Amino acid sequence: MSFQYPFRNFSVGASLSSVPEKIPYDPLTSTTPQNTVTCAYQAYVAGYWRNLTVFWCKNHMNHTLNLIINNLEGEVCCNCKIDLKPWLFWSKKGSKSFELEGCQVDLHWDFRSAKFAGSPEPASDYYVAVVSDEEIVLSLGDYKKKAYKRANARPPLVEAILYLKKEHVFHKKTFSTRAKFDEKKHEHDIIVESSTGGPRDPEMWISMDGIIMIHVRNLQWKFRGNQTVMLSRQPVQVFWDVHDWLFTAPGTGHGLFIFKPGVSESEDDRDSSSYGAQSDTSDGSMYFSTRSVSATPEFCLFLYAWKIE
C-alpha cells in the first residue's frame, strides 16, 4: 500500500516561498468573503485507495458541504454537494447514492442538532458517513453510533487518514481554527491574534489551548519566520508569512500560517530555549515524530488569515 504525499514542494525546513501543490478541488472565490474549511483524506473506497476532499463553505447567502472523490492521479471520480441552508421545508438529515467505477457508494448525513462555533464546519452533534462495500470508510462528526445505525454498516478494516486541513478565515484581528496533530489525542484550539495598527509597533500572538506559544514583536521586521513549540509533549512546527497584512491594502492579501507535527532536521542541535515556554529537552528523542518513519502521510494545517476592515 503506498500513499502519495500532496506537498512535494514543501519540506519541514523549507521557507514559505516554497508553495505547496494545490489539492484537486478548492472552489474559493474572491467575490464574497466566505469562511471555508477544506479537509483532505485518504480512504479505501470501491476497492482502491482514493483521495476524499471535504469542503465546507459559508457566506451571507449559502452554507454548503461538498464531497469530492479523486483517484491518486488527481482525477475527479465524483462530486456530491449538500446545502446546509436553514429552510423550513428542507430536512437537515438525508442520504445520497452514486456509482463509482461499478460500485455503489452511499453518503448519509444528519445536521439537525449540529452546533457551530464560527466555522463553516460543525463543532459537534452531527455525522457524515461515506459507505462503500458495507463499510463506513469515512466518518465525520461525533454522532458515531447514530451514523453506524443509519448506515447499517461495519467499521472499516483500515481507518481513513486526514493528511491536510486548509482554512480561510476572514476577521479584523483574531483568527481561530482547530486541529488534531495526533489521532490518539484530542483536538487543539489555535488562535492567531494581531495588532498591526495604531501607534505601537505591530505585534502577533499565536496561542494553542489558551496558552500563548509564540509572541512576535516588531512584526514589520519579522513578518516571515518559523518556530517549533511543544504542545502536549508533542513538537509542532509553526511557519508564518504575514507580509500582506503590513504592506498591501486591506482585503487584498492574507497571512499564511502552517502547522506541522515534528521538527526539522536543522533544529536538532538548537538550544532548548528556541522551543518556547512549553519545551522540555530532558529527552532529545521526544522531538521526533513517530509518524515520520511510517508510510502514511503526516498531517499539515494551513490557515489563511484574511484581514477585513
C-alpha atoms as a PDB file:
ATOM      1  CA  MET A   1       0.000   0.000   0.000  1.00  0.00           C
ATOM      2  CA  SER A   2       1.501   3.327  -0.994  1.00  0.00           C
ATOM      3  CA  PHE A   3       0.465   6.893  -0.330  1.00  0.00           C
ATOM      4  CA  GLN A   4       1.100   9.949  -2.445  1.00  0.00           C
ATOM      5  CA  TYR A   5       2.057  12.918  -0.285  1.00  0.00           C
ATOM      6  CA  PRO A   6       0.470  16.013  -1.825  1.00  0.00           C
ATOM      7  CA  PHE A   7       3.153  18.586  -0.944  1.00  0.00           C
ATOM      8  CA  ARG A   8       6.216  17.574  -2.915  1.00  0.00           C
ATOM      9  CA  ASN A   9       7.482  21.177  -2.873  1.00  0.00           C
ATOM     10  CA  PHE A  10       7.051  21.609   0.872  1.00  0.00           C
ATOM     11  CA  SER A  11       9.583  20.338   3.369  1.00  0.00           C
ATOM     12  CA  VAL A  12       9.875  20.880   7.081  1.00  0.00           C
ATOM     13  CA  GLY A  13      12.920  23.074   6.754  1.00  0.00           C
ATOM     14  CA  ALA A  14      11.805  24.913   3.645  1.00  0.00           C
ATOM     15  CA  SER A  15      10.900  28.573   3.550  1.00  0.00           C
ATOM     16  CA  LEU A  16       7.333  29.671   2.969  1.00  0.00           C
ATOM     17  CA  SER A  17       8.255  30.729  -0.522  1.00  0.00           C
ATOM     18  CA  SER A  18       8.012  27.028  -1.460  1.00  0.00           C
ATOM     19  CA  VAL A  19       4.360  26.954  -2.427  1.00  0.00           C
ATOM     20  CA  PRO A  20       2.660  23.589  -1.771  1.00  0.00           C
ATOM     21  CA  GLU A  21       0.749  21.950  -4.568  1.00  0.00           C
ATOM     22  CA  LYS A  22      -2.967  22.599  -4.554  1.00  0.00           C
ATOM     23  CA  ILE A  23      -5.339  19.778  -3.833  1.00  0.00           C
ATOM     24  CA  PRO A  24      -7.563  18.884  -6.789  1.00  0.00           C
ATOM     25  CA  TYR A  25     -10.597  20.919  -5.702  1.00  0.00           C
ATOM     26  CA  ASP A  26     -10.848  24.257  -3.920  1.00  0.00           C
ATOM     27  CA  PRO A  27     -13.790  26.383  -5.157  1.00  0.00           C
ATOM     28  CA  LEU A  28     -12.869  29.516  -3.214  1.00  0.00           C
ATOM     29  CA  THR A  29     -13.908  32.731  -4.920  1.00  0.00           C
ATOM     30  CA  SER A  30     -12.958  36.295  -4.093  1.00  0.00           C
ATOM     31  CA  THR A  31     -16.308  37.866  -4.987  1.00  0.00           C
ATOM     32  CA  THR A  32     -17.802  37.441  -1.492  1.00  0.00           C
ATOM     33  CA  PRO A  33     -15.848  36.937   1.739  1.00  0.00           C
ATOM     34  CA  GLN A  34     -16.541  33.392   2.809  1.00  0.00           C
ATOM     35  CA  ASN A  35     -15.057  31.246   5.524  1.00  0.00           C
ATOM     36  CA  THR A  36     -14.041  27.866   4.149  1.00  0.00           C
ATOM     37  CA  VAL A  37     -12.578  24.661   5.529  1.00  0.00           C
ATOM     38  CA  THR A  38     -11.015  22.020   3.287  1.00  0.00           C
ATOM     39  CA  CYS A  39     -10.115  18.607   4.716  1.00  0.00           C
ATOM     40  CA  ALA A  40      -8.350  16.013   2.559  1.00  0.00           C
ATOM     41  CA  TYR A  41      -8.391  12.321   3.455  1.00  0.00           C
ATOM     42  CA  GLN A  42      -7.119   9.071   2.028  1.00  0.00           C
ATOM     43  CA  ALA A  43      -9.636   6.232   2.321  1.00  0.00           C
ATOM     44  CA  TYR A  44     -10.249   2.807   0.814  1.00  0.00           C
ATOM     45  CA  VAL A  45     -13.301   3.323  -1.413  1.00  0.00           C
ATOM     46  CA  ALA A  46     -14.691   0.965  -4.054  1.00  0.00           C
ATOM     47  CA  GLY A  47     -11.659  -1.312  -4.000  1.00  0.00           C
ATOM     48  CA  TYR A  48      -8.926   1.357  -4.178  1.00  0.00           C
ATOM     49  CA  TRP A  49      -7.189   3.949  -2.021  1.00  0.00           C
ATOM     50  CA  ARG A  50      -8.556   7.319  -3.084  1.00  0.00           C
ATOM     51  CA  ASN A  51      -8.336  10.975  -2.079  1.00  0.00           C
ATOM     52  CA  LEU A  52     -11.520  12.335  -0.494  1.00  0.00           C
ATOM     53  CA  THR A  53     -11.872  16.102  -0.155  1.00  0.00           C
ATOM     54  CA  VAL A  54     -14.466  17.548   2.225  1.00  0.00           C
ATOM     55  CA  PHE A  55     -15.119  21.234   1.528  1.00  0.00           C
ATOM     56  CA  TRP A  56     -17.211  23.356   3.928  1.00  0.00           C
ATOM     57  CA  CYS A  57     -18.174  26.867   2.790  1.00  0.00           C
ATOM     58  CA  LYS A  58     -20.253  29.614   4.395  1.00  0.00           C
ATOM     59  CA  ASN A  59     -21.046  33.183   3.427  1.00  0.00           C
ATOM     60  CA  HIS A  60     -24.026  35.516   3.856  1.00  0.00           C
ATOM     61  CA  MET A  61     -26.083  33.634   1.263  1.00  0.00           C
ATOM     62  CA  ASN A  62     -25.004  29.993   1.323  1.00  0.00           C
ATOM     63  CA  HIS A  63     -23.751  27.244   3.600  1.00  0.00           C
ATOM     64  CA  THR A  64     -22.668  24.100   1.776  1.00  0.00           C
ATOM     65  CA  LEU A  65     -20.717  20.867   2.072  1.00  0.00           C
ATOM     66  CA  ASN A  66     -19.003  19.336  -0.954  1.00  0.00           C
ATOM     67  CA  LEU A  67     -17.582  15.823  -1.003  1.00  0.00           C
ATOM     68  CA  ILE A  68     -15.160  15.161  -3.860  1.00  0.00           C
ATOM     69  CA  ILE A  69     -13.611  11.746  -4.516  1.00  0.00           C
ATOM     70  CA  ASN A  70     -10.446  11.554  -6.602  1.00  0.00           C
ATOM     71  CA  ASN A  71      -8.156   8.739  -7.538  1.00  0.00           C
ATOM     72  CA  LEU A  72      -4.498   9.088  -6.580  1.00  0.00           C
ATOM     73  CA  GLU A  73      -3.717  10.531 -10.011  1.00  0.00           C
ATOM     74  CA  GLY A  74      -5.953  13.507  -9.136  1.00  0.00           C
ATOM     75  CA  GLU A  75      -8.841  12.701 -11.491  1.00  0.00           C
ATOM     76  CA  VAL A  76     -12.281  13.546 -10.083  1.00  0.00           C
ATOM     77  CA  CYS A  77     -14.426  10.436  -9.764  1.00  0.00           C
ATOM     78  CA  CYS A  78     -17.492  12.075  -8.201  1.00  0.00           C
ATOM     79  CA  ASN A  79     -18.669  15.323  -6.622  1.00  0.00           C
ATOM     80  CA  CYS A  80     -21.613  15.487  -4.196  1.00  0.00           C
ATOM     81  CA  LYS A  81     -22.997  18.753  -2.820  1.00  0.00           C
ATOM     82  CA  ILE A  82     -25.164  19.203   0.284  1.00  0.00           C
ATOM     83  CA  ASP A  83     -26.898  22.505   1.072  1.00  0.00           C
ATOM     84  CA  LEU A  84     -26.987  23.381   4.760  1.00  0.00           C
ATOM     85  CA  LYS A  85     -29.427  26.271   4.335  1.00  0.00           C
ATOM     86  CA  PRO A  86     -31.873  26.654   7.263  1.00  0.00           C
ATOM     87  CA  TRP A  87     -35.002  26.468   5.126  1.00  0.00           C
ATOM     88  CA  LEU A  88     -38.133  25.307   6.921  1.00  0.00           C
ATOM     89  CA  PHE A  89     -39.054  22.848   4.178  1.00  0.00           C
ATOM     90  CA  TRP A  90     -35.551  21.343   3.934  1.00  0.00           C
ATOM     91  CA  SER A  91     -34.546  18.371   6.068  1.00  0.00           C
ATOM     92  CA  LYS A  92     -31.082  18.518   7.592  1.00  0.00           C
ATOM     93  CA  LYS A  93     -30.957  14.723   7.522  1.00  0.00           C
ATOM     94  CA  GLY A  94     -30.625  12.750   4.319  1.00  0.00           C
ATOM     95  CA  SER A  95     -28.686  10.392   2.075  1.00  0.00           C
ATOM     96  CA  LYS A  96     -27.451  10.059  -1.493  1.00  0.00           C
ATOM     97  CA  SER A  97     -26.204   7.112  -3.531  1.00  0.00           C
ATOM     98  CA  PHE A  98     -23.957   7.133  -6.579  1.00  0.00           C
ATOM     99  CA  GLU A  99     -21.949   4.695  -8.643  1.00  0.00           C
ATOM    100  CA  LEU A 100     -18.177   4.748  -8.587  1.00  0.00           C
ATOM    101  CA  GLU A 101     -16.493   2.543 -11.186  1.00  0.00           C
ATOM    102  CA  GLY A 102     -19.208  -0.078 -10.939  1.00  0.00           C
ATOM    103  CA  CYS A 103     -19.532   0.042  -7.128  1.00  0.00           C
ATOM    104  CA  GLN A 104     -22.297   1.717  -5.134  1.00  0.00           C
ATOM    105  CA  VAL A 105     -21.222   4.380  -2.653  1.00  0.00           C
ATOM    106  CA  ASP A 106     -23.679   5.839  -0.137  1.00  0.00           C
ATOM    107  CA  LEU A 107     -23.499   9.179   1.669  1.00  0.00           C
ATOM    108  CA  HIS A 108     -25.515   9.755   4.859  1.00  0.00           C
ATOM    109  CA  TRP A 109     -25.717  12.926   6.966  1.00  0.00           C
ATOM    110  CA  ASP A 110     -27.568  14.458   9.907  1.00  0.00           C
ATOM    111  CA  PHE A 111     -27.165  18.154  10.824  1.00  0.00           C
ATOM    112  CA  ARG A 112     -30.447  18.586  12.719  1.00  0.00           C
ATOM    113  CA  SER A 113     -28.681  19.180  16.063  1.00  0.00           C
ATOM    114  CA  ALA A 114     -25.350  20.421  14.705  1.00  0.00           C
ATOM    115  CA  LYS A 115     -23.619  23.150  16.717  1.00  0.00           C
ATOM    116  CA  PHE A 116     -21.309  25.685  15.079  1.00  0.00           C
ATOM    117  CA  ALA A 117     -18.620  27.849  16.673  1.00  0.00           C
ATOM    118  CA  GLY A 118     -17.852  30.432  13.993  1.00  0.00           C
ATOM    119  CA  SER A 119     -16.514  27.921  11.466  1.00  0.00           C
ATOM    120  CA  PRO A 120     -18.469  26.525   8.495  1.00  0.00           C
ATOM    121  CA  GLU A 121     -17.515  23.077   9.801  1.00  0.00           C
ATOM    122  CA  PRO A 122     -19.772  21.929  12.687  1.00  0.00           C
ATOM    123  CA  ALA A 123     -18.173  21.672  16.107  1.00  0.00           C
ATOM    124  CA  SER A 124     -20.384  18.858  17.456  1.00  0.00           C
ATOM    125  CA  ASP A 125     -23.684  16.942  17.372  1.00  0.00           C
ATOM    126  CA  TYR A 126     -23.688  15.725  13.761  1.00  0.00           C
ATOM    127  CA  TYR A 127     -22.457  12.972  11.456  1.00  0.00           C
ATOM    128  CA  VAL A 128     -21.450  12.470   7.848  1.00  0.00           C
ATOM    129  CA  ALA A 129     -20.783   8.908   6.719  1.00  0.00           C
ATOM    130  CA  VAL A 130     -19.425   7.546   3.434  1.00  0.00           C
ATOM    131  CA  VAL A 131     -20.267   3.871   2.902  1.00  0.00           C
ATOM    132  CA  SER A 132     -18.584   1.503   0.446  1.00  0.00           C
ATOM    133  CA  ASP A 133     -18.767  -2.310   0.412  1.00  0.00           C
ATOM    134  CA  GLU A 134     -20.901  -2.202   3.582  1.00  0.00           C
ATOM    135  CA  GLU A 135     -18.149  -0.337   5.455  1.00  0.00           C
ATOM    136  CA  ILE A 136     -18.162   3.255   6.714  1.00  0.00           C
ATOM    137  CA  VAL A 137     -14.936   4.237   5.009  1.00  0.00           C
ATOM    138  CA  LEU A 138     -15.114   7.866   6.194  1.00  0.00           C
ATOM    139  CA  SER A 139     -16.948   9.127   9.279  1.00  0.00           C
ATOM    140  CA  LEU A 140     -17.146  12.793  10.305  1.00  0.00           C
ATOM    141  CA  GLY A 141     -18.668  14.240  13.457  1.00  0.00           C
ATOM    142  CA  ASP A 142     -19.237  12.925  16.965  1.00  0.00           C
ATOM    143  CA  TYR A 143     -22.526  11.068  16.375  1.00  0.00           C
ATOM    144  CA  LYS A 144     -20.691   7.838  15.544  1.00  0.00           C
ATOM    145  CA  LYS A 145     -23.315   5.439  16.923  1.00  0.00           C
ATOM    146  CA  LYS A 146     -26.126   7.169  15.048  1.00  0.00           C
ATOM    147  CA  ALA A 147     -24.076   7.063  11.843  1.00  0.00           C
ATOM    148  CA  TYR A 148     -23.487   3.306  12.100  1.00  0.00           C
ATOM    149  CA  LYS A 149     -27.142   2.678  12.919  1.00  0.00           C
ATOM    150  CA  ARG A 150     -28.353   4.802   9.997  1.00  0.00           C
ATOM    151  CA  ALA A 151     -25.897   3.321   7.505  1.00  0.00           C
ATOM    152  CA  ASN A 152     -26.259  -0.260   8.765  1.00  0.00           C
ATOM    153  CA  ALA A 153     -22.577  -0.777   8.032  1.00  0.00           C
ATOM    154  CA  ARG A 154     -19.495  -2.048   9.815  1.00  0.00           C
ATOM    155  CA  PRO A 155     -16.283  -0.156  10.714  1.00  0.00           C
ATOM    156  CA  PRO A 156     -13.560  -0.154   8.039  1.00  0.00           C
ATOM    157  CA  LEU A 157     -10.624  -2.551   8.182  1.00  0.00           C
ATOM    158  CA  VAL A 158      -8.326   0.495   7.759  1.00  0.00           C
ATOM    159  CA  GLU A 159      -9.330   3.949   9.032  1.00  0.00           C
ATOM    160  CA  ALA A 160      -9.334   6.952   6.718  1.00  0.00           C
ATOM    161  CA  ILE A 161      -6.323   9.256   7.132  1.00  0.00           C
ATOM    162  CA  LEU A 162      -6.640  13.033   7.399  1.00  0.00           C
ATOM    163  CA  TYR A 163      -3.483  14.464   5.836  1.00  0.00           C
ATOM    164  CA  LEU A 164      -4.446  18.071   5.101  1.00  0.00           C
ATOM    165  CA  LYS A 165      -6.638  20.810   6.511  1.00  0.00           C
ATOM    166  CA  LYS A 166      -6.900  24.265   4.925  1.00  0.00           C
ATOM    167  CA  GLU A 167      -8.994  27.024   6.427  1.00  0.00           C
ATOM    168  CA  HIS A 168      -9.731  30.523   5.078  1.00  0.00           C
ATOM    169  CA  VAL A 169     -10.852  32.865   7.869  1.00  0.00           C
ATOM    170  CA  PHE A 170     -11.993  36.491   7.478  1.00  0.00           C
ATOM    171  CA  HIS A 171     -11.744  38.731  10.558  1.00  0.00           C
ATOM    172  CA  LYS A 172     -10.344  42.029  11.763  1.00  0.00           C
ATOM    173  CA  LYS A 173      -7.577  40.750  14.027  1.00  0.00           C
ATOM    174  CA  THR A 174      -8.439  37.332  15.516  1.00  0.00           C
ATOM    175  CA  PHE A 175      -8.318  34.077  13.536  1.00  0.00           C
ATOM    176  CA  SER A 176      -9.153  30.716  15.059  1.00  0.00           C
ATOM    177  CA  THR A 177      -9.122  27.095  13.947  1.00  0.00           C
ATOM    178  CA  ARG A 178      -8.962  23.599  15.385  1.00  0.00           C
ATOM    179  CA  ALA A 179      -6.613  20.720  14.602  1.00  0.00           C
ATOM    180  CA  LYS A 180      -5.599  17.285  15.826  1.00  0.00           C
ATOM    181  CA  PHE A 181      -1.865  16.643  15.357  1.00  0.00           C
ATOM    182  CA  ASP A 182      -2.069  13.103  16.699  1.00  0.00           C
ATOM    183  CA  GLU A 183      -5.080  10.840  16.060  1.00  0.00           C
ATOM    184  CA  LYS A 184      -4.766   9.439  19.578  1.00  0.00           C
ATOM    185  CA  LYS A 185      -5.041  12.885  21.202  1.00  0.00           C
ATOM    186  CA  HIS A 186      -7.767  15.491  21.424  1.00  0.00           C
ATOM    187  CA  GLU A 187      -8.339  18.389  19.070  1.00  0.00           C
ATOM    188  CA  HIS A 188      -6.491  21.612  19.871  1.00  0.00           C
ATOM    189  CA  ASP A 189      -7.792  25.182  19.697  1.00  0.00           C
ATOM    190  CA  ILE A 190      -5.477  27.515  17.760  1.00  0.00           C
ATOM    191  CA  ILE A 191      -5.871  31.303  17.798  1.00  0.00           C
ATOM    192  CA  VAL A 192      -3.813  33.901  15.928  1.00  0.00           C
ATOM    193  CA  GLU A 193      -4.177  37.483  17.158  1.00  0.00           C
ATOM    194  CA  SER A 194      -2.529  40.587  15.762  1.00  0.00           C
ATOM    195  CA  SER A 195      -2.135  44.285  16.365  1.00  0.00           C
ATOM    196  CA  THR A 196      -0.966  45.904  13.138  1.00  0.00           C
ATOM    197  CA  GLY A 197      -2.445  49.388  13.527  1.00  0.00           C
ATOM    198  CA  GLY A 198      -2.107  52.255  15.948  1.00  0.00           C
ATOM    199  CA  PRO A 199       0.924  53.996  17.470  1.00  0.00           C
ATOM    200  CA  ARG A 200       2.608  50.825  18.773  1.00  0.00           C
ATOM    201  CA  ASP A 201       4.839  48.558  16.724  1.00  0.00           C
ATOM    202  CA  PRO A 202       2.923  45.681  15.076  1.00  0.00           C
ATOM    203  CA  GLU A 203       2.731  42.514  17.175  1.00  0.00           C
ATOM    204  CA  MET A 204       1.353  38.997  16.771  1.00  0.00           C
ATOM    205  CA  TRP A 205       0.414  36.214  19.176  1.00  0.00           C
ATOM    206  CA  ILE A 206      -0.195  32.526  18.408  1.00  0.00           C
ATOM    207  CA  SER A 207      -1.877  30.587  21.193  1.00  0.00           C
ATOM    208  CA  MET A 208      -2.819  26.920  21.491  1.00  0.00           C
ATOM    209  CA  ASP A 209      -5.373  25.682  24.021  1.00  0.00           C
ATOM    210  CA  GLY A 210      -5.365  29.112  25.669  1.00  0.00           C
ATOM    211  CA  ILE A 211      -1.571  29.317  26.113  1.00  0.00           C
ATOM    212  CA  ILE A 212       0.474  31.871  24.166  1.00  0.00           C
ATOM    213  CA  MET A 213       3.129  29.814  22.391  1.00  0.00           C
ATOM    214  CA  ILE A 214       4.593  32.470  20.107  1.00  0.00           C
ATOM    215  CA  HIS A 215       4.768  36.252  20.590  1.00  0.00           C
ATOM    216  CA  VAL A 216       6.333  38.224  17.728  1.00  0.00           C
ATOM    217  CA  ARG A 217       7.255  41.839  18.407  1.00  0.00           C
ATOM    218  CA  ASN A 218       8.405  44.257  15.702  1.00  0.00           C
ATOM    219  CA  LEU A 219       6.323  42.344  13.188  1.00  0.00           C
ATOM    220  CA  GLN A 220       7.282  44.748  10.412  1.00  0.00           C
ATOM    221  CA  TRP A 221      10.785  43.201  10.538  1.00  0.00           C
ATOM    222  CA  LYS A 222       9.745  39.652  11.399  1.00  0.00           C
ATOM    223  CA  PHE A 223       6.755  39.149   9.111  1.00  0.00           C
ATOM    224  CA  ARG A 224       8.174  35.778   7.997  1.00  0.00           C
ATOM    225  CA  GLY A 225       9.502  33.152  10.337  1.00  0.00           C
ATOM    226  CA  ASN A 226       9.142  29.773  11.953  1.00  0.00           C
ATOM    227  CA  GLN A 227       9.396  28.231  15.393  1.00  0.00           C
ATOM    228  CA  THR A 228       8.861  24.826  16.979  1.00  0.00           C
ATOM    229  CA  VAL A 229       6.682  24.661  20.087  1.00  0.00           C
ATOM    230  CA  MET A 230       5.721  21.832  22.424  1.00  0.00           C
ATOM    231  CA  LEU A 231       2.016  21.000  22.534  1.00  0.00           C
ATOM    232  CA  SER A 232       1.023  18.239  24.979  1.00  0.00           C
ATOM    233  CA  ARG A 233       4.621  16.969  24.838  1.00  0.00           C
ATOM    234  CA  GLN A 234       4.474  16.859  21.056  1.00  0.00           C
ATOM    235  CA  PRO A 235       6.618  19.137  18.864  1.00  0.00           C
ATOM    236  CA  VAL A 236       4.696  21.236  16.340  1.00  0.00           C
ATOM    237  CA  GLN A 237       6.375  23.411  13.740  1.00  0.00           C
ATOM    238  CA  VAL A 238       4.770  26.784  13.098  1.00  0.00           C
ATOM    239  CA  PHE A 239       5.550  28.809   9.952  1.00  0.00           C
ATOM    240  CA  TRP A 240       4.127  32.260   9.257  1.00  0.00           C
ATOM    241  CA  ASP A 241       4.132  34.815   6.464  1.00  0.00           C
ATOM    242  CA  VAL A 242       2.124  37.993   7.154  1.00  0.00           C
ATOM    243  CA  HIS A 243       3.789  40.285   4.623  1.00  0.00           C
ATOM    244  CA  ASP A 244       0.438  41.210   3.028  1.00  0.00           C
ATOM    245  CA  TRP A 245      -1.012  42.277   6.379  1.00  0.00           C
ATOM    246  CA  LEU A 246       1.543  45.057   6.584  1.00  0.00           C
ATOM    247  CA  PHE A 247       2.401  46.028   3.028  1.00  0.00           C
ATOM    248  CA  THR A 248      -0.768  45.615   0.935  1.00  0.00           C
ATOM    249  CA  ALA A 249      -4.215  47.195   1.021  1.00  0.00           C
ATOM    250  CA  PRO A 250      -6.690  45.605   3.478  1.00  0.00           C
ATOM    251  CA  GLY A 251      -8.570  42.678   1.989  1.00  0.00           C
ATOM    252  CA  THR A 252      -6.164  42.187  -0.925  1.00  0.00           C
ATOM    253  CA  GLY A 253      -3.829  39.728   0.759  1.00  0.00           C
ATOM    254  CA  HIS A 254      -3.753  37.207   3.552  1.00  0.00           C
ATOM    255  CA  GLY A 255      -1.456  35.935   6.251  1.00  0.00           C
ATOM    256  CA  LEU A 256      -0.392  32.307   5.883  1.00  0.00           C
ATOM    257  CA  PHE A 257       0.227  30.002   8.852  1.00  0.00           C
ATOM    258  CA  ILE A 258       1.399  26.405   8.549  1.00  0.00           C
ATOM    259  CA  PHE A 259       1.276  23.954  11.455  1.00  0.00           C
ATOM    260  CA  LYS A 260       3.031  20.610  11.106  1.00  0.00           C
ATOM    261  CA  PRO A 261       3.920  17.962  13.725  1.00  0.00           C
ATOM    262  CA  GLY A 262       7.591  17.150  14.229  1.00  0.00           C
ATOM    263  CA  VAL A 263      10.735  19.255  13.859  1.00  0.00           C
ATOM    264  CA  SER A 264      13.100  19.972  11.017  1.00  0.00           C
ATOM    265  CA  GLU A 265      16.492  18.296  10.905  1.00  0.00           C
ATOM    266  CA  SER A 266      18.183  21.683  11.177  1.00  0.00           C
ATOM    267  CA  GLU A 267      16.641  22.189  14.627  1.00  0.00           C
ATOM    268  CA  ASP A 268      18.146  19.095  16.219  1.00  0.00           C
ATOM    269  CA  ASP A 269      21.147  20.970  17.669  1.00  0.00           C
ATOM    270  CA  ARG A 270      19.302  24.115  18.720  1.00  0.00           C
ATOM    271  CA  ASP A 271      19.272  25.273  22.292  1.00  0.00           C
ATOM    272  CA  SER A 272      16.144  24.321  24.242  1.00  0.00           C
ATOM    273  CA  SER A 273      15.158  27.992  24.529  1.00  0.00           C
ATOM    274  CA  SER A 274      14.156  28.038  20.872  1.00  0.00           C
ATOM    275  CA  TYR A 275      11.248  25.720  21.642  1.00  0.00           C
ATOM    276  CA  GLY A 276       9.289  28.218  23.719  1.00  0.00           C
ATOM    277  CA  ALA A 277       7.914  28.107  27.230  1.00  0.00           C
ATOM    278  CA  GLN A 278       6.471  24.607  26.832  1.00  0.00           C
ATOM    279  CA  SER A 279       9.760  22.984  25.780  1.00  0.00           C
ATOM    280  CA  ASP A 280      11.340  20.044  27.558  1.00  0.00           C
ATOM    281  CA  THR A 281      14.776  18.860  26.438  1.00  0.00           C
ATOM    282  CA  SER A 282      15.250  16.205  29.106  1.00  0.00           C
ATOM    283  CA  ASP A 283      14.923  13.576  26.361  1.00  0.00           C
ATOM    284  CA  GLY A 284      16.024  14.610  22.885  1.00  0.00           C
ATOM    285  CA  SER A 285      14.103  11.762  21.261  1.00  0.00           C
ATOM    286  CA  MET A 286      10.804  13.417  22.128  1.00  0.00           C
ATOM    287  CA  TYR A 287      11.361  15.941  19.373  1.00  0.00           C
ATOM    288  CA  PHE A 288      10.921  13.355  16.634  1.00  0.00           C
ATOM    289  CA  SER A 289       7.517  12.396  15.274  1.00  0.00           C
ATOM    290  CA  THR A 290       6.911   8.666  15.409  1.00  0.00           C
ATOM    291  CA  ARG A 291       4.757   9.026  12.295  1.00  0.00           C
ATOM    292  CA  SER A 292       7.663  10.394  10.255  1.00  0.00           C
ATOM    293  CA  VAL A 293       9.028   6.907   9.657  1.00  0.00           C
ATOM    294  CA  SER A 294       5.677   5.393   8.685  1.00  0.00           C
ATOM    295  CA  ALA A 295       4.261   5.005   5.183  1.00  0.00           C
ATOM    296  CA  THR A 296       1.284   7.233   5.942  1.00  0.00           C
ATOM    297  CA  PRO A 297       1.374  10.960   5.099  1.00  0.00           C
ATOM    298  CA  GLU A 298       1.805  13.340   8.021  1.00  0.00           C
ATOM    299  CA  PHE A 299      -0.918  15.835   8.804  1.00  0.00           C
ATOM    300  CA  CYS A 300      -0.439  19.501   7.884  1.00  0.00           C
ATOM    301  CA  LEU A 301      -2.661  22.513   8.670  1.00  0.00           C
ATOM    302  CA  PHE A 302      -2.775  25.651   6.508  1.00  0.00           C
ATOM    303  CA  LEU A 303      -4.533  28.717   7.956  1.00  0.00           C
ATOM    304  CA  TYR A 304      -5.195  31.609   5.557  1.00  0.00           C
ATOM    305  CA  ALA A 305      -5.999  34.695   7.637  1.00  0.00           C
ATOM    306  CA  TRP A 306      -7.734  37.489   5.691  1.00  0.00           C
ATOM    307  CA  LYS A 307      -7.937  40.877   7.408  1.00  0.00           C
ATOM    308  CA  ILE A 308     -11.097  42.893   6.830  1.00  0.00           C
ATOM    309  CA  GLU A 309     -11.991  46.418   7.907  1.00  0.00           C
END
